[in-house]
Amino acid sequence: MSDLTVSFIQAALHWHEPVANRQEMDRHIGAISIATDLIVLPEMFTTGFSMEAAALAEPMEGPTLAWMREVAAARDAVVTGSLIVRDDAGHYYNRLLWVRPDGSLSYYNKRHLFTMAGEHHVYTAGTARLIEEWRGWRICPLVCYDLRFPVWSRNSEQQPYDLLLYIANWPAVRRTAWMTLLRARAIENLAYTMGVNCVGMDGNSLAYAGDSALLDMRGEYLVEVGNQETSITRALRHDELRAFRERFPALHDADPFSLEVRSEK
């Protein structure tokens, strides 16, 4: 299995301005000067973390998906990030789109909605994880508050993955939890783990410190970017991942379990 080159964008988001945010992402993606396999954008990257879904939601076949398809094709890479999506029944989702270079896609609806912000009153929770196979790697993409729930993130021999990915709008006031839990998820799941956050201030006067990071399966930082706007690209080494898991096969000793997921609406 070959190595996987991954890129992520840490940016300040324009509040409720999808066109400006797509242009901002274009600027950062344009700074990626080498070939990459995966481009990761923050949670709700077109709007910021907003509860104004009725005014901001797009249909699935909307302008942001069209833009993601263009970028994926041009860069020959998967592009992923979440946005506010409205389905035909009028439900709103904080939906992560996984868009491939050929234009096909999968999606994941955020499972754990942030009740302290009232997200559960506006959005419908997801009921299933997404594990994608891409260029020989198995990748589990999740969204923000999901980071606090280790059972939902659990790697297993029944549904294994190599890279655990969190996209977020994670406020600076809880940055210690962000950094601590990213490291914990990497260690307990024996997987490369990436957290992609935003920076700056949103329309609700919440500050975001960034702290996007890439960790290896030992929980060691490969990249830690602080609070600057940036695009980062790194190669993940599959031989190193396999060798570590062979030396320390802790997943073989994990407790078997299954999840019973109930809808919250």
C-alpha atoms as a PDB file:
ATOM      1  CA  MET A   1       0.000   0.000   0.000  1.00  0.00           C
ATOM      2  CA  SER A   2       1.357   3.432  -0.946  1.00  0.00           C
ATOM      3  CA  ASP A   3       1.735   6.499   1.227  1.00  0.00           C
ATOM      4  CA  LEU A   4      -1.082   9.063   1.335  1.00  0.00           C
ATOM      5  CA  THR A   5      -0.442  12.778   0.858  1.00  0.00           C
ATOM      6  CA  VAL A   6      -2.923  14.921   2.781  1.00  0.00           C
ATOM      7  CA  SER A   7      -3.530  18.670   2.836  1.00  0.00           C
ATOM      8  CA  PHE A   8      -5.632  20.778   5.168  1.00  0.00           C
ATOM      9  CA  ILE A   9      -6.766  24.387   5.229  1.00  0.00           C
ATOM     10  CA  GLN A  10      -6.912  26.440   8.433  1.00  0.00           C
ATOM     11  CA  ALA A  11      -8.634  29.726   7.615  1.00  0.00           C
ATOM     12  CA  ALA A  12     -10.692  32.566   9.030  1.00  0.00           C
ATOM     13  CA  LEU A  13     -14.250  32.143   7.758  1.00  0.00           C
ATOM     14  CA  HIS A  14     -16.425  34.962   6.460  1.00  0.00           C
ATOM     15  CA  TRP A  15     -19.642  34.944   8.485  1.00  0.00           C
ATOM     16  CA  HIS A  16     -22.624  33.880   6.341  1.00  0.00           C
ATOM     17  CA  GLU A  17     -20.796  34.586   3.062  1.00  0.00           C
ATOM     18  CA  PRO A  18     -20.552  31.397   0.987  1.00  0.00           C
ATOM     19  CA  VAL A  19     -19.116  33.055  -2.123  1.00  0.00           C
ATOM     20  CA  ALA A  20     -16.378  34.802  -0.133  1.00  0.00           C
ATOM     21  CA  ASN A  21     -15.554  31.568   1.685  1.00  0.00           C
ATOM     22  CA  ARG A  22     -15.275  29.557  -1.509  1.00  0.00           C
ATOM     23  CA  GLN A  23     -12.938  32.241  -2.838  1.00  0.00           C
ATOM     24  CA  GLU A  24     -10.950  32.055   0.402  1.00  0.00           C
ATOM     25  CA  MET A  25     -10.639  28.295   0.099  1.00  0.00           C
ATOM     26  CA  ASP A  26      -9.544  28.710  -3.524  1.00  0.00           C
ATOM     27  CA  ARG A  27      -6.772  31.018  -2.379  1.00  0.00           C
ATOM     28  CA  HIS A  28      -5.477  28.540   0.189  1.00  0.00           C
ATOM     29  CA  ILE A  29      -5.824  25.537  -2.098  1.00  0.00           C
ATOM     30  CA  GLY A  30      -3.895  27.459  -4.752  1.00  0.00           C
ATOM     31  CA  ALA A  31      -0.979  27.643  -2.298  1.00  0.00           C
ATOM     32  CA  ILE A  32      -0.685  23.826  -2.285  1.00  0.00           C
ATOM     33  CA  SER A  33       2.235  23.465  -4.653  1.00  0.00           C
ATOM     34  CA  ILE A  34       2.581  19.668  -4.799  1.00  0.00           C
ATOM     35  CA  ALA A  35       0.296  16.801  -5.735  1.00  0.00           C
ATOM     36  CA  THR A  36      -1.975  15.710  -2.925  1.00  0.00           C
ATOM     37  CA  ASP A  37      -4.522  12.932  -2.435  1.00  0.00           C
ATOM     38  CA  LEU A  38      -6.872  14.603   0.052  1.00  0.00           C
ATOM     39  CA  ILE A  39      -7.819  18.247   0.748  1.00  0.00           C
ATOM     40  CA  VAL A  40      -9.595  18.872   4.054  1.00  0.00           C
ATOM     41  CA  LEU A  41     -11.637  22.006   4.837  1.00  0.00           C
ATOM     42  CA  PRO A  42     -13.197  23.038   8.184  1.00  0.00           C
ATOM     43  CA  GLU A  43     -16.718  22.411   9.446  1.00  0.00           C
ATOM     44  CA  MET A  44     -19.390  24.653   7.838  1.00  0.00           C
ATOM     45  CA  PHE A  45     -16.636  26.195   5.751  1.00  0.00           C
ATOM     46  CA  THR A  46     -19.063  28.246   3.634  1.00  0.00           C
ATOM     47  CA  THR A  47     -20.814  30.055   6.517  1.00  0.00           C
ATOM     48  CA  GLY A  48     -19.170  29.560   9.882  1.00  0.00           C
ATOM     49  CA  PHE A  49     -20.943  27.591  12.620  1.00  0.00           C
ATOM     50  CA  SER A  50     -24.437  29.053  12.249  1.00  0.00           C
ATOM     51  CA  MET A  51     -27.896  28.082  13.431  1.00  0.00           C
ATOM     52  CA  GLU A  52     -29.546  30.128  10.643  1.00  0.00           C
ATOM     53  CA  ALA A  53     -30.082  27.082   8.478  1.00  0.00           C
ATOM     54  CA  ALA A  54     -33.278  28.293   6.838  1.00  0.00           C
ATOM     55  CA  ALA A  55     -31.463  31.260   5.321  1.00  0.00           C
ATOM     56  CA  LEU A  56     -28.154  29.552   4.524  1.00  0.00           C
ATOM     57  CA  ALA A  57     -28.864  25.948   3.541  1.00  0.00           C
ATOM     58  CA  GLU A  58     -28.061  24.666   0.077  1.00  0.00           C
ATOM     59  CA  PRO A  59     -29.600  21.694  -1.702  1.00  0.00           C
ATOM     60  CA  MET A  60     -27.187  18.840  -2.256  1.00  0.00           C
ATOM     61  CA  GLU A  61     -26.790  19.789  -5.916  1.00  0.00           C
ATOM     62  CA  GLY A  62     -25.972  23.357  -5.018  1.00  0.00           C
ATOM     63  CA  PRO A  63     -23.133  25.775  -5.780  1.00  0.00           C
ATOM     64  CA  THR A  64     -20.778  24.460  -3.117  1.00  0.00           C
ATOM     65  CA  LEU A  65     -20.946  20.869  -4.335  1.00  0.00           C
ATOM     66  CA  ALA A  66     -20.347  22.127  -7.886  1.00  0.00           C
ATOM     67  CA  TRP A  67     -17.292  24.038  -6.645  1.00  0.00           C
ATOM     68  CA  MET A  68     -15.982  21.012  -4.718  1.00  0.00           C
ATOM     69  CA  ARG A  69     -16.317  18.871  -7.837  1.00  0.00           C
ATOM     70  CA  GLU A  70     -14.315  21.420  -9.846  1.00  0.00           C
ATOM     71  CA  VAL A  71     -11.541  21.508  -7.255  1.00  0.00           C
ATOM     72  CA  ALA A  72     -11.442  17.715  -6.869  1.00  0.00           C
ATOM     73  CA  ALA A  73     -11.146  17.240 -10.631  1.00  0.00           C
ATOM     74  CA  ALA A  74      -8.521  19.956 -11.053  1.00  0.00           C
ATOM     75  CA  ARG A  75      -6.348  18.650  -8.203  1.00  0.00           C
ATOM     76  CA  ASP A  76      -7.026  14.928  -8.746  1.00  0.00           C
ATOM     77  CA  ALA A  77      -7.809  14.695  -5.039  1.00  0.00           C
ATOM     78  CA  VAL A  78     -10.736  14.072  -2.729  1.00  0.00           C
ATOM     79  CA  VAL A  79     -12.081  17.333  -1.279  1.00  0.00           C
ATOM     80  CA  THR A  80     -13.978  17.167   2.004  1.00  0.00           C
ATOM     81  CA  GLY A  81     -15.598  19.622   4.416  1.00  0.00           C
ATOM     82  CA  SER A  82     -19.062  20.275   5.821  1.00  0.00           C
ATOM     83  CA  LEU A  83     -21.797  22.742   4.957  1.00  0.00           C
ATOM     84  CA  ILE A  84     -25.453  23.342   5.716  1.00  0.00           C
ATOM     85  CA  VAL A  85     -27.610  21.131   3.489  1.00  0.00           C
ATOM     86  CA  ARG A  86     -31.402  21.005   3.114  1.00  0.00           C
ATOM     87  CA  ASP A  87     -33.017  17.796   1.852  1.00  0.00           C
ATOM     88  CA  ASP A  88     -36.214  17.450  -0.153  1.00  0.00           C
ATOM     89  CA  ALA A  89     -38.225  16.870   3.037  1.00  0.00           C
ATOM     90  CA  GLY A  90     -37.086  20.184   4.502  1.00  0.00           C
ATOM     91  CA  HIS A  91     -34.627  18.750   7.044  1.00  0.00           C
ATOM     92  CA  TYR A  92     -31.343  20.531   7.663  1.00  0.00           C
ATOM     93  CA  TYR A  93     -28.018  18.750   8.132  1.00  0.00           C
ATOM     94  CA  ASN A  94     -24.496  19.689   9.107  1.00  0.00           C
ATOM     95  CA  ARG A  95     -23.250  17.467   6.290  1.00  0.00           C
ATOM     96  CA  LEU A  96     -19.701  16.475   5.460  1.00  0.00           C
ATOM     97  CA  LEU A  97     -19.276  15.907   1.737  1.00  0.00           C
ATOM     98  CA  TRP A  98     -16.610  13.537   0.426  1.00  0.00           C
ATOM     99  CA  VAL A  99     -16.117  14.523  -3.220  1.00  0.00           C
ATOM    100  CA  ARG A 100     -13.901  12.462  -5.533  1.00  0.00           C
ATOM    101  CA  PRO A 101     -12.083  13.621  -8.686  1.00  0.00           C
ATOM    102  CA  ASP A 102     -14.596  11.843 -10.926  1.00  0.00           C
ATOM    103  CA  GLY A 103     -17.440  13.869  -9.374  1.00  0.00           C
ATOM    104  CA  SER A 104     -18.925  11.029  -7.328  1.00  0.00           C
ATOM    105  CA  LEU A 105     -19.473  11.594  -3.633  1.00  0.00           C
ATOM    106  CA  SER A 106     -20.387  10.180  -0.253  1.00  0.00           C
ATOM    107  CA  TYR A 107     -21.571  12.118   2.777  1.00  0.00           C
ATOM    108  CA  TYR A 108     -21.705  11.960   6.558  1.00  0.00           C
ATOM    109  CA  ASN A 109     -24.303  13.795   8.641  1.00  0.00           C
ATOM    110  CA  LYS A 110     -22.845  15.009  11.938  1.00  0.00           C
ATOM    111  CA  ARG A 111     -23.967  12.590  14.606  1.00  0.00           C
ATOM    112  CA  HIS A 112     -23.314  14.509  17.830  1.00  0.00           C
ATOM    113  CA  LEU A 113     -25.051  17.867  17.627  1.00  0.00           C
ATOM    114  CA  PHE A 114     -23.790  20.564  19.994  1.00  0.00           C
ATOM    115  CA  THR A 115     -26.735  21.025  22.343  1.00  0.00           C
ATOM    116  CA  MET A 116     -25.160  23.976  24.189  1.00  0.00           C
ATOM    117  CA  ALA A 117     -25.516  25.995  20.966  1.00  0.00           C
ATOM    118  CA  GLY A 118     -28.969  24.601  20.145  1.00  0.00           C
ATOM    119  CA  GLU A 119     -27.669  22.687  17.132  1.00  0.00           C
ATOM    120  CA  HIS A 120     -30.030  19.799  17.930  1.00  0.00           C
ATOM    121  CA  HIS A 121     -33.040  22.121  17.561  1.00  0.00           C
ATOM    122  CA  VAL A 122     -32.054  23.104  14.023  1.00  0.00           C
ATOM    123  CA  TYR A 123     -30.281  20.135  12.458  1.00  0.00           C
ATOM    124  CA  THR A 124     -31.088  16.454  12.118  1.00  0.00           C
ATOM    125  CA  ALA A 125     -28.488  14.108  13.575  1.00  0.00           C
ATOM    126  CA  GLY A 126     -26.808  11.444  11.496  1.00  0.00           C
ATOM    127  CA  THR A 127     -27.237   7.781  12.284  1.00  0.00           C
ATOM    128  CA  ALA A 128     -24.284   6.110  10.548  1.00  0.00           C
ATOM    129  CA  ARG A 129     -20.549   6.529  10.329  1.00  0.00           C
ATOM    130  CA  LEU A 130     -18.759   6.854   7.025  1.00  0.00           C
ATOM    131  CA  ILE A 131     -15.556   4.921   6.360  1.00  0.00           C
ATOM    132  CA  GLU A 132     -14.122   5.663   2.938  1.00  0.00           C
ATOM    133  CA  GLU A 133     -11.502   3.754   0.985  1.00  0.00           C
ATOM    134  CA  TRP A 134      -9.248   6.070  -0.979  1.00  0.00           C
ATOM    135  CA  ARG A 135      -6.042   5.122  -2.745  1.00  0.00           C
ATOM    136  CA  GLY A 136      -5.568   2.098  -0.541  1.00  0.00           C
ATOM    137  CA  TRP A 137      -6.324   3.862   2.760  1.00  0.00           C
ATOM    138  CA  ARG A 138      -9.387   3.573   4.945  1.00  0.00           C
ATOM    139  CA  ILE A 139     -10.471   6.936   6.324  1.00  0.00           C
ATOM    140  CA  CYS A 140     -13.108   7.809   8.946  1.00  0.00           C
ATOM    141  CA  PRO A 141     -14.236  11.462   8.673  1.00  0.00           C
ATOM    142  CA  LEU A 142     -16.140  12.964  11.623  1.00  0.00           C
ATOM    143  CA  VAL A 143     -17.298  16.447  12.657  1.00  0.00           C
ATOM    144  CA  CYS A 144     -16.291  18.613  15.629  1.00  0.00           C
ATOM    145  CA  TYR A 145     -18.310  17.570  18.735  1.00  0.00           C
ATOM    146  CA  ASP A 146     -17.957  13.922  17.645  1.00  0.00           C
ATOM    147  CA  LEU A 147     -14.413  14.218  19.039  1.00  0.00           C
ATOM    148  CA  ARG A 148     -15.773  14.038  22.595  1.00  0.00           C
ATOM    149  CA  PHE A 149     -17.397  10.641  22.056  1.00  0.00           C
ATOM    150  CA  PRO A 150     -14.764   7.881  21.850  1.00  0.00           C
ATOM    151  CA  VAL A 151     -17.210   5.043  21.198  1.00  0.00           C
ATOM    152  CA  TRP A 152     -18.412   6.697  17.979  1.00  0.00           C
ATOM    153  CA  SER A 153     -14.785   7.196  16.934  1.00  0.00           C
ATOM    154  CA  ARG A 154     -13.642   3.687  17.849  1.00  0.00           C
ATOM    155  CA  ASN A 155     -11.411   1.793  15.468  1.00  0.00           C
ATOM    156  CA  SER A 156     -12.191  -1.911  15.268  1.00  0.00           C
ATOM    157  CA  GLU A 157     -11.210  -5.029  13.391  1.00  0.00           C
ATOM    158  CA  GLN A 158     -14.796  -5.180  12.043  1.00  0.00           C
ATOM    159  CA  GLN A 159     -14.661  -1.611  10.618  1.00  0.00           C
ATOM    160  CA  PRO A 160     -10.978  -0.697  10.533  1.00  0.00           C
ATOM    161  CA  TYR A 161      -9.512   2.599   9.412  1.00  0.00           C
ATOM    162  CA  ASP A 162      -6.027   4.075   9.011  1.00  0.00           C
ATOM    163  CA  LEU A 163      -6.791   7.796   9.259  1.00  0.00           C
ATOM    164  CA  LEU A 164      -9.259   9.413  11.672  1.00  0.00           C
ATOM    165  CA  LEU A 165     -10.327  12.878  10.590  1.00  0.00           C
ATOM    166  CA  TYR A 166     -12.172  15.630  12.484  1.00  0.00           C
ATOM    167  CA  ILE A 167     -13.278  18.889  10.872  1.00  0.00           C
ATOM    168  CA  ALA A 168     -14.363  21.580  13.297  1.00  0.00           C
ATOM    169  CA  ASN A 169     -15.363  25.045  14.399  1.00  0.00           C
ATOM    170  CA  TRP A 170     -13.892  24.509  17.880  1.00  0.00           C
ATOM    171  CA  PRO A 171     -13.813  27.674  20.066  1.00  0.00           C
ATOM    172  CA  ALA A 172     -10.584  28.877  21.655  1.00  0.00           C
ATOM    173  CA  VAL A 173     -12.100  28.691  25.141  1.00  0.00           C
ATOM    174  CA  ARG A 174     -12.037  24.879  24.861  1.00  0.00           C
ATOM    175  CA  ARG A 175      -8.711  24.516  23.054  1.00  0.00           C
ATOM    176  CA  THR A 176      -7.203  22.353  25.823  1.00  0.00           C
ATOM    177  CA  ALA A 177      -9.943  19.786  25.287  1.00  0.00           C
ATOM    178  CA  TRP A 178      -9.373  19.901  21.507  1.00  0.00           C
ATOM    179  CA  MET A 179      -5.665  19.208  21.766  1.00  0.00           C
ATOM    180  CA  THR A 180      -6.011  16.605  24.512  1.00  0.00           C
ATOM    181  CA  LEU A 181      -8.792  14.641  22.839  1.00  0.00           C
ATOM    182  CA  LEU A 182      -7.096  14.595  19.429  1.00  0.00           C
ATOM    183  CA  ARG A 183      -4.067  12.985  21.061  1.00  0.00           C
ATOM    184  CA  ALA A 184      -6.251  10.521  22.978  1.00  0.00           C
ATOM    185  CA  ARG A 185      -8.164   9.468  19.843  1.00  0.00           C
ATOM    186  CA  ALA A 186      -4.886   8.849  17.978  1.00  0.00           C
ATOM    187  CA  ILE A 187      -3.427   6.748  20.788  1.00  0.00           C
ATOM    188  CA  GLU A 188      -6.472   4.623  21.539  1.00  0.00           C
ATOM    189  CA  ASN A 189      -7.270   3.931  17.869  1.00  0.00           C
ATOM    190  CA  LEU A 190      -3.691   3.309  16.653  1.00  0.00           C
ATOM    191  CA  ALA A 191      -4.374   5.586  13.690  1.00  0.00           C
ATOM    192  CA  TYR A 192      -3.124   8.745  12.094  1.00  0.00           C
ATOM    193  CA  THR A 193      -5.448  11.497  13.354  1.00  0.00           C
ATOM    194  CA  MET A 194      -6.097  14.918  11.867  1.00  0.00           C
ATOM    195  CA  GLY A 195      -8.066  17.812  13.352  1.00  0.00           C
ATOM    196  CA  VAL A 196      -8.884  20.775  11.087  1.00  0.00           C
ATOM    197  CA  ASN A 197     -10.205  23.916  12.759  1.00  0.00           C
ATOM    198  CA  CYS A 198     -10.713  27.581  11.833  1.00  0.00           C
ATOM    199  CA  VAL A 199      -9.291  30.823  13.246  1.00  0.00           C
ATOM    200  CA  GLY A 200     -10.562  34.330  13.923  1.00  0.00           C
ATOM    201  CA  MET A 201     -13.885  35.574  15.264  1.00  0.00           C
ATOM    202  CA  ASP A 202     -17.369  34.533  14.122  1.00  0.00           C
ATOM    203  CA  GLY A 203     -20.618  36.487  13.967  1.00  0.00           C
ATOM    204  CA  ASN A 204     -21.500  35.429  17.506  1.00  0.00           C
ATOM    205  CA  SER A 205     -18.213  36.904  18.827  1.00  0.00           C
ATOM    206  CA  LEU A 206     -16.731  33.466  19.451  1.00  0.00           C
ATOM    207  CA  ALA A 207     -12.970  33.285  18.995  1.00  0.00           C
ATOM    208  CA  TYR A 208     -11.288  30.337  17.288  1.00  0.00           C
ATOM    209  CA  ALA A 209      -7.637  29.560  17.991  1.00  0.00           C
ATOM    210  CA  GLY A 210      -7.050  27.069  15.188  1.00  0.00           C
ATOM    211  CA  ASP A 211      -4.649  24.473  16.609  1.00  0.00           C
ATOM    212  CA  SER A 212      -5.220  22.254  13.591  1.00  0.00           C
ATOM    213  CA  ALA A 213      -2.947  19.257  13.884  1.00  0.00           C
ATOM    214  CA  LEU A 214      -1.843  15.971  12.417  1.00  0.00           C
ATOM    215  CA  LEU A 215      -0.762  13.200  14.799  1.00  0.00           C
ATOM    216  CA  ASP A 216       0.660   9.769  14.212  1.00  0.00           C
ATOM    217  CA  MET A 217      -0.600   6.485  15.675  1.00  0.00           C
ATOM    218  CA  ARG A 218       1.557   7.016  18.798  1.00  0.00           C
ATOM    219  CA  GLY A 219      -0.131  10.346  19.517  1.00  0.00           C
ATOM    220  CA  GLU A 220       2.970  12.301  18.491  1.00  0.00           C
ATOM    221  CA  TYR A 221       2.459  15.567  16.629  1.00  0.00           C
ATOM    222  CA  LEU A 222       3.565  15.552  13.000  1.00  0.00           C
ATOM    223  CA  VAL A 223       2.090  19.027  12.417  1.00  0.00           C
ATOM    224  CA  GLU A 224       0.802  21.631  14.876  1.00  0.00           C
ATOM    225  CA  VAL A 225       0.022  24.992  13.291  1.00  0.00           C
ATOM    226  CA  GLY A 226      -1.099  27.354  16.058  1.00  0.00           C
ATOM    227  CA  ASN A 227      -3.452  30.184  15.114  1.00  0.00           C
ATOM    228  CA  GLN A 228      -2.247  31.343  11.697  1.00  0.00           C
ATOM    229  CA  GLU A 229      -4.116  30.948   8.433  1.00  0.00           C
ATOM    230  CA  THR A 230      -2.321  28.318   6.419  1.00  0.00           C
ATOM    231  CA  SER A 231      -2.429  25.319   4.134  1.00  0.00           C
ATOM    232  CA  ILE A 232      -0.327  22.321   5.162  1.00  0.00           C
ATOM    233  CA  THR A 233       0.588  19.199   3.195  1.00  0.00           C
ATOM    234  CA  ARG A 234       2.202  16.072   4.611  1.00  0.00           C
ATOM    235  CA  ALA A 235       2.724  12.442   3.553  1.00  0.00           C
ATOM    236  CA  LEU A 236       1.408   9.649   5.768  1.00  0.00           C
ATOM    237  CA  ARG A 237       3.625   6.540   5.783  1.00  0.00           C
ATOM    238  CA  HIS A 238       1.720   3.314   5.577  1.00  0.00           C
ATOM    239  CA  ASP A 239       4.777   1.153   6.288  1.00  0.00           C
ATOM    240  CA  GLU A 240       5.250   2.979   9.599  1.00  0.00           C
ATOM    241  CA  LEU A 241       1.589   2.527  10.517  1.00  0.00           C
ATOM    242  CA  ARG A 242       1.643  -1.185   9.703  1.00  0.00           C
ATOM    243  CA  ALA A 243       4.923  -1.784  11.546  1.00  0.00           C
ATOM    244  CA  PHE A 244       3.690  -0.028  14.680  1.00  0.00           C
ATOM    245  CA  ARG A 245       0.438  -1.989  14.719  1.00  0.00           C
ATOM    246  CA  GLU A 246       2.378  -5.238  14.336  1.00  0.00           C
ATOM    247  CA  ARG A 247       4.647  -4.361  17.272  1.00  0.00           C
ATOM    248  CA  PHE A 248       1.764  -3.147  19.440  1.00  0.00           C
ATOM    249  CA  PRO A 249      -1.472  -4.893  18.342  1.00  0.00           C
ATOM    250  CA  ALA A 250      -3.687  -3.437  21.055  1.00  0.00           C
ATOM    251  CA  LEU A 251      -6.778  -3.441  18.833  1.00  0.00           C
ATOM    252  CA  HIS A 252      -6.779  -7.254  19.021  1.00  0.00           C
ATOM    253  CA  ASP A 253      -7.588  -6.929  22.745  1.00  0.00           C
ATOM    254  CA  ALA A 254     -10.416  -4.426  22.366  1.00  0.00           C
ATOM    255  CA  ASP A 255     -13.829  -5.271  23.793  1.00  0.00           C
ATOM    256  CA  PRO A 256     -16.361  -6.324  21.153  1.00  0.00           C
ATOM    257  CA  PHE A 257     -19.439  -4.134  21.019  1.00  0.00           C
ATOM    258  CA  SER A 258     -22.129  -2.840  18.693  1.00  0.00           C
ATOM    259  CA  LEU A 259     -23.894   0.519  18.616  1.00  0.00           C
ATOM    260  CA  GLU A 260     -27.652   0.942  18.714  1.00  0.00           C
ATOM    261  CA  VAL A 261     -28.257   4.357  17.215  1.00  0.00           C
ATOM    262  CA  ARG A 262     -31.603   6.097  17.671  1.00  0.00           C
ATOM    263  CA  SER A 263     -32.761   9.125  15.778  1.00  0.00           C
ATOM    264  CA  GLU A 264     -32.892  12.349  17.796  1.00  0.00           C
ATOM    265  CA  LYS A 265     -35.793  13.736  15.767  1.00  0.00           C
END
